PDB file of N, CA and C in Angstrom:
ATOM      1  N   MET A   1      18.712   4.167  -7.308  1.00  0.00           N
ATOM      2  CA  MET A   1      17.526   4.898  -6.949  1.00  0.00           C
ATOM      3  C   MET A   1      17.306   4.926  -5.436  1.00  0.00           C
ATOM      4  N   PRO A   2      17.473   3.796  -4.729  1.00  0.00           N
ATOM      5  CA  PRO A   2      17.300   3.861  -3.271  1.00  0.00           C
ATOM      6  C   PRO A   2      18.256   4.847  -2.609  1.00  0.00           C
ATOM      7  N   ASP A   3      19.492   4.921  -3.089  1.00  0.00           N
ATOM      8  CA  ASP A   3      20.451   5.878  -2.520  1.00  0.00           C
ATOM      9  C   ASP A   3      19.976   7.308  -2.735  1.00  0.00           C
ATOM     10  N   PHE A   4      19.495   7.608  -3.938  1.00  0.00           N
ATOM     11  CA  PHE A   4      18.997   8.955  -4.250  1.00  0.00           C
ATOM     12  C   PHE A   4      17.839   9.313  -3.330  1.00  0.00           C
ATOM     13  N   CYS A   5      16.892   8.379  -3.189  1.00  0.00           N
ATOM     14  CA  CYS A   5      15.730   8.636  -2.335  1.00  0.00           C
ATOM     15  C   CYS A   5      16.150   8.861  -0.890  1.00  0.00           C
ATOM     16  N   GLY A   6      17.093   8.052  -0.404  1.00  0.00           N
ATOM     17  CA  GLY A   6      17.567   8.209   0.960  1.00  0.00           C
ATOM     18  C   GLY A   6      18.244   9.543   1.184  1.00  0.00           C
ATOM     19  N   GLU A   7      19.038   9.983   0.218  1.00  0.00           N
ATOM     20  CA  GLU A   7      19.747  11.261   0.325  1.00  0.00           C
ATOM     21  C   GLU A   7      18.805  12.458   0.296  1.00  0.00           C
ATOM     22  N   HIS A   8      17.646  12.300  -0.358  1.00  0.00           N
ATOM     23  CA  HIS A   8      16.716  13.421  -0.521  1.00  0.00           C
ATOM     24  C   HIS A   8      15.448  13.291   0.317  1.00  0.00           C
ATOM     25  N   GLY A   9      15.408  12.295   1.196  1.00  0.00           N
ATOM     26  CA  GLY A   9      14.260  12.146   2.095  1.00  0.00           C
ATOM     27  C   GLY A   9      12.975  11.746   1.387  1.00  0.00           C
ATOM     28  N   ILE A  10      13.090  11.061   0.261  1.00  0.00           N
ATOM     29  CA  ILE A  10      11.913  10.632  -0.490  1.00  0.00           C
ATOM     30  C   ILE A  10      11.461   9.287   0.064  1.00  0.00           C
ATOM     31  N   THR A  11      10.210   9.212   0.484  1.00  0.00           N
ATOM     32  CA  THR A  11       9.653   7.976   1.043  1.00  0.00           C
ATOM     33  C   THR A  11       8.344   7.635   0.346  1.00  0.00           C
ATOM     34  N   SER A  12       7.838   6.460   0.615  1.00  0.00           N
ATOM     35  CA  SER A  12       6.551   6.058   0.061  1.00  0.00           C
ATOM     36  C   SER A  12       5.522   5.961   1.178  1.00  0.00           C
ATOM     37  N   GLU A  13       4.268   6.082   0.791  1.00  0.00           N
ATOM     38  CA  GLU A  13       3.183   5.915   1.753  1.00  0.00           C
ATOM     39  C   GLU A  13       2.586   4.534   1.536  1.00  0.00           C
ATOM     40  N   VAL A  14       2.428   3.796   2.617  1.00  0.00           N
ATOM     41  CA  VAL A  14       1.934   2.428   2.538  1.00  0.00           C
ATOM     42  C   VAL A  14       0.773   2.262   3.502  1.00  0.00           C
ATOM     43  N   GLU A  15      -0.258   1.599   3.029  1.00  0.00           N
ATOM     44  CA  GLU A  15      -1.381   1.228   3.902  1.00  0.00           C
ATOM     45  C   GLU A  15      -1.365  -0.285   4.034  1.00  0.00           C
ATOM     46  N   VAL A  16      -1.305  -0.788   5.249  1.00  0.00           N
ATOM     47  CA  VAL A  16      -1.322  -2.225   5.505  1.00  0.00           C
ATOM     48  C   VAL A  16      -2.763  -2.611   5.835  1.00  0.00           C
ATOM     49  N   ILE A  17      -3.280  -3.607   5.094  1.00  0.00           N
ATOM     50  CA  ILE A  17      -4.663  -4.040   5.302  1.00  0.00           C
ATOM     51  C   ILE A  17      -4.708  -5.525   5.623  1.00  0.00           C
ATOM     52  N   ALA A  18      -5.804  -5.948   6.215  1.00  0.00           N
ATOM     53  CA  ALA A  18      -6.048  -7.368   6.459  1.00  0.00           C
ATOM     54  C   ALA A  18      -6.672  -7.971   5.203  1.00  0.00           C
ATOM     55  N   MET A  19      -6.503  -9.266   5.020  1.00  0.00           N
ATOM     56  CA  MET A  19      -7.043  -9.947   3.849  1.00  0.00           C
ATOM     57  C   MET A  19      -8.552  -9.750   3.732  1.00  0.00           C
ATOM     58  N   CYS A  20      -9.240  -9.657   4.847  1.00  0.00           N
ATOM     59  CA  CYS A  20     -10.696  -9.496   4.798  1.00  0.00           C
ATOM     60  C   CYS A  20     -11.109  -8.144   4.202  1.00  0.00           C
ATOM     61  N   ASP A  21     -10.175  -7.207   4.094  1.00  0.00           N
ATOM     62  CA  ASP A  21     -10.471  -5.890   3.524  1.00  0.00           C
ATOM     63  C   ASP A  21     -10.043  -5.754   2.065  1.00  0.00           C
ATOM     64  N   ILE A  22      -9.661  -6.859   1.430  1.00  0.00           N
ATOM     65  CA  ILE A  22      -9.115  -6.799   0.080  1.00  0.00           C
ATOM     66  C   ILE A  22     -10.137  -6.311  -0.947  1.00  0.00           C
ATOM     67  N   ASN A  23     -11.395  -6.703  -0.805  1.00  0.00           N
ATOM     68  CA  ASN A  23     -12.408  -6.262  -1.774  1.00  0.00           C
ATOM     69  C   ASN A  23     -12.615  -4.752  -1.715  1.00  0.00           C
ATOM     70  N   THR A  24     -12.644  -4.199  -0.541  1.00  0.00           N
ATOM     71  CA  THR A  24     -12.772  -2.749  -0.376  1.00  0.00           C
ATOM     72  C   THR A  24     -11.569  -2.040  -0.979  1.00  0.00           C
ATOM     73  N   ALA A  25     -10.384  -2.566  -0.725  1.00  0.00           N
ATOM     74  CA  ALA A  25      -9.162  -1.962  -1.255  1.00  0.00           C
ATOM     75  C   ALA A  25      -9.145  -2.007  -2.780  1.00  0.00           C
ATOM     76  N   CYS A  26      -9.557  -3.128  -3.356  1.00  0.00           N
ATOM     77  CA  CYS A  26      -9.598  -3.244  -4.820  1.00  0.00           C
ATOM     78  C   CYS A  26     -10.592  -2.249  -5.408  1.00  0.00           C
ATOM     79  N   GLY A  27     -11.730  -2.100  -4.776  1.00  0.00           N
ATOM     80  CA  GLY A  27     -12.720  -1.130  -5.243  1.00  0.00           C
ATOM     81  C   GLY A  27     -12.176   0.291  -5.207  1.00  0.00           C
ATOM     82  N   ARG A  28     -11.486   0.640  -4.145  1.00  0.00           N
ATOM     83  CA  ARG A  28     -10.887   1.980  -4.040  1.00  0.00           C
ATOM     84  C   ARG A  28      -9.834   2.196  -5.117  1.00  0.00           C
ATOM     85  N   THR A  29      -9.040   1.162  -5.386  1.00  0.00           N
ATOM     86  CA  THR A  29      -8.003   1.269  -6.406  1.00  0.00           C
ATOM     87  C   THR A  29      -8.621   1.466  -7.788  1.00  0.00           C
ATOM     88  N   LEU A  30      -9.656   0.701  -8.099  1.00  0.00           N
ATOM     89  CA  LEU A  30     -10.310   0.822  -9.399  1.00  0.00           C
ATOM     90  C   LEU A  30     -10.957   2.188  -9.590  1.00  0.00           C
ATOM     91  N   LYS A  31     -11.448   2.783  -8.499  1.00  0.00           N
ATOM     92  CA  LYS A  31     -12.048   4.117  -8.574  1.00  0.00           C
ATOM     93  C   LYS A  31     -10.991   5.214  -8.592  1.00  0.00           C
ATOM     94  N   GLY A  32      -9.741   4.870  -8.312  1.00  0.00           N
ATOM     95  CA  GLY A  32      -8.668   5.858  -8.283  1.00  0.00           C
ATOM     96  C   GLY A  32      -8.603   6.641  -6.997  1.00  0.00           C
ATOM     97  N   ASP A  33      -9.176   6.086  -5.924  1.00  0.00           N
ATOM     98  CA  ASP A  33      -9.196   6.775  -4.633  1.00  0.00           C
ATOM     99  C   ASP A  33      -7.905   6.617  -3.837  1.00  0.00           C
ATOM    100  N   ASP A  34      -7.004   5.733  -4.287  1.00  0.00           N
ATOM    101  CA  ASP A  34      -5.772   5.477  -3.537  1.00  0.00           C
ATOM    102  C   ASP A  34      -4.608   6.224  -4.170  1.00  0.00           C
ATOM    103  N   ASN A  35      -3.808   6.829  -3.335  1.00  0.00           N
ATOM    104  CA  ASN A  35      -2.617   7.534  -3.794  1.00  0.00           C
ATOM    105  C   ASN A  35      -1.357   6.934  -3.198  1.00  0.00           C
ATOM    106  N   TYR A  36      -1.427   5.674  -2.745  1.00  0.00           N
ATOM    107  CA  TYR A  36      -0.300   5.033  -2.106  1.00  0.00           C
ATOM    108  C   TYR A  36      -0.410   3.530  -2.300  1.00  0.00           C
ATOM    109  N   ARG A  37       0.598   2.827  -1.874  1.00  0.00           N
ATOM    110  CA  ARG A  37       0.654   1.378  -2.046  1.00  0.00           C
ATOM    111  C   ARG A  37      -0.152   0.693  -0.949  1.00  0.00           C
ATOM    112  N   ILE A  38      -0.886  -0.336  -1.334  1.00  0.00           N
ATOM    113  CA  ILE A  38      -1.641  -1.141  -0.374  1.00  0.00           C
ATOM    114  C   ILE A  38      -0.940  -2.488  -0.242  1.00  0.00           C
ATOM    115  N   VAL A  39      -0.682  -2.902   1.004  1.00  0.00           N
ATOM    116  CA  VAL A  39       0.006  -4.152   1.288  1.00  0.00           C
ATOM    117  C   VAL A  39      -0.899  -5.007   2.171  1.00  0.00           C
ATOM    118  N   VAL A  40      -1.066  -6.277   1.793  1.00  0.00           N
ATOM    119  CA  VAL A  40      -1.872  -7.202   2.596  1.00  0.00           C
ATOM    120  C   VAL A  40      -0.970  -7.823   3.651  1.00  0.00           C
ATOM    121  N   GLU A  41      -1.380  -7.732   4.896  1.00  0.00           N
ATOM    122  CA  GLU A  41      -0.604  -8.298   6.006  1.00  0.00           C
ATOM    123  C   GLU A  41      -0.645  -9.825   5.922  1.00  0.00           C
ATOM    124  N   ALA A  42       0.523 -10.441   5.815  1.00  0.00           N
ATOM    125  CA  ALA A  42       0.627 -11.887   5.623  1.00  0.00           C
ATOM    126  C   ALA A  42      -0.022 -12.684   6.751  1.00  0.00           C
ATOM    127  N   ALA A  43       0.013 -12.180   7.959  1.00  0.00           N
ATOM    128  CA  ALA A  43      -0.553 -12.901   9.089  1.00  0.00           C
ATOM    129  C   ALA A  43      -2.059 -13.080   8.964  1.00  0.00           C
ATOM    130  N   THR A  44      -2.719 -12.287   8.129  1.00  0.00           N
ATOM    131  CA  THR A  44      -4.175 -12.372   7.987  1.00  0.00           C
ATOM    132  C   THR A  44      -4.594 -13.277   6.848  1.00  0.00           C
ATOM    133  N   LEU A  45      -3.654 -13.940   6.201  1.00  0.00           N
ATOM    134  CA  LEU A  45      -3.979 -14.806   5.062  1.00  0.00           C
ATOM    135  C   LEU A  45      -4.558 -16.145   5.489  1.00  0.00           C
ATOM    136  N   ALA A  46      -4.340 -16.563   6.696  1.00  0.00           N
ATOM    137  CA  ALA A  46      -4.793 -17.876   7.152  1.00  0.00           C
ATOM    138  C   ALA A  46      -6.261 -17.891   7.475  1.00  0.00           C
TER     139      ALA A  46
END
């Protein structure tokens, strides 16, 4: 699958958020407002 995506220019959209924004992100996901992957930045976990 990665080879196919690379050959056809298929990419994903990612939003990187800080841990302090996780509640807002979860609310958006539950409402269906997100159309891409949300990733929590590891540096903000401390």
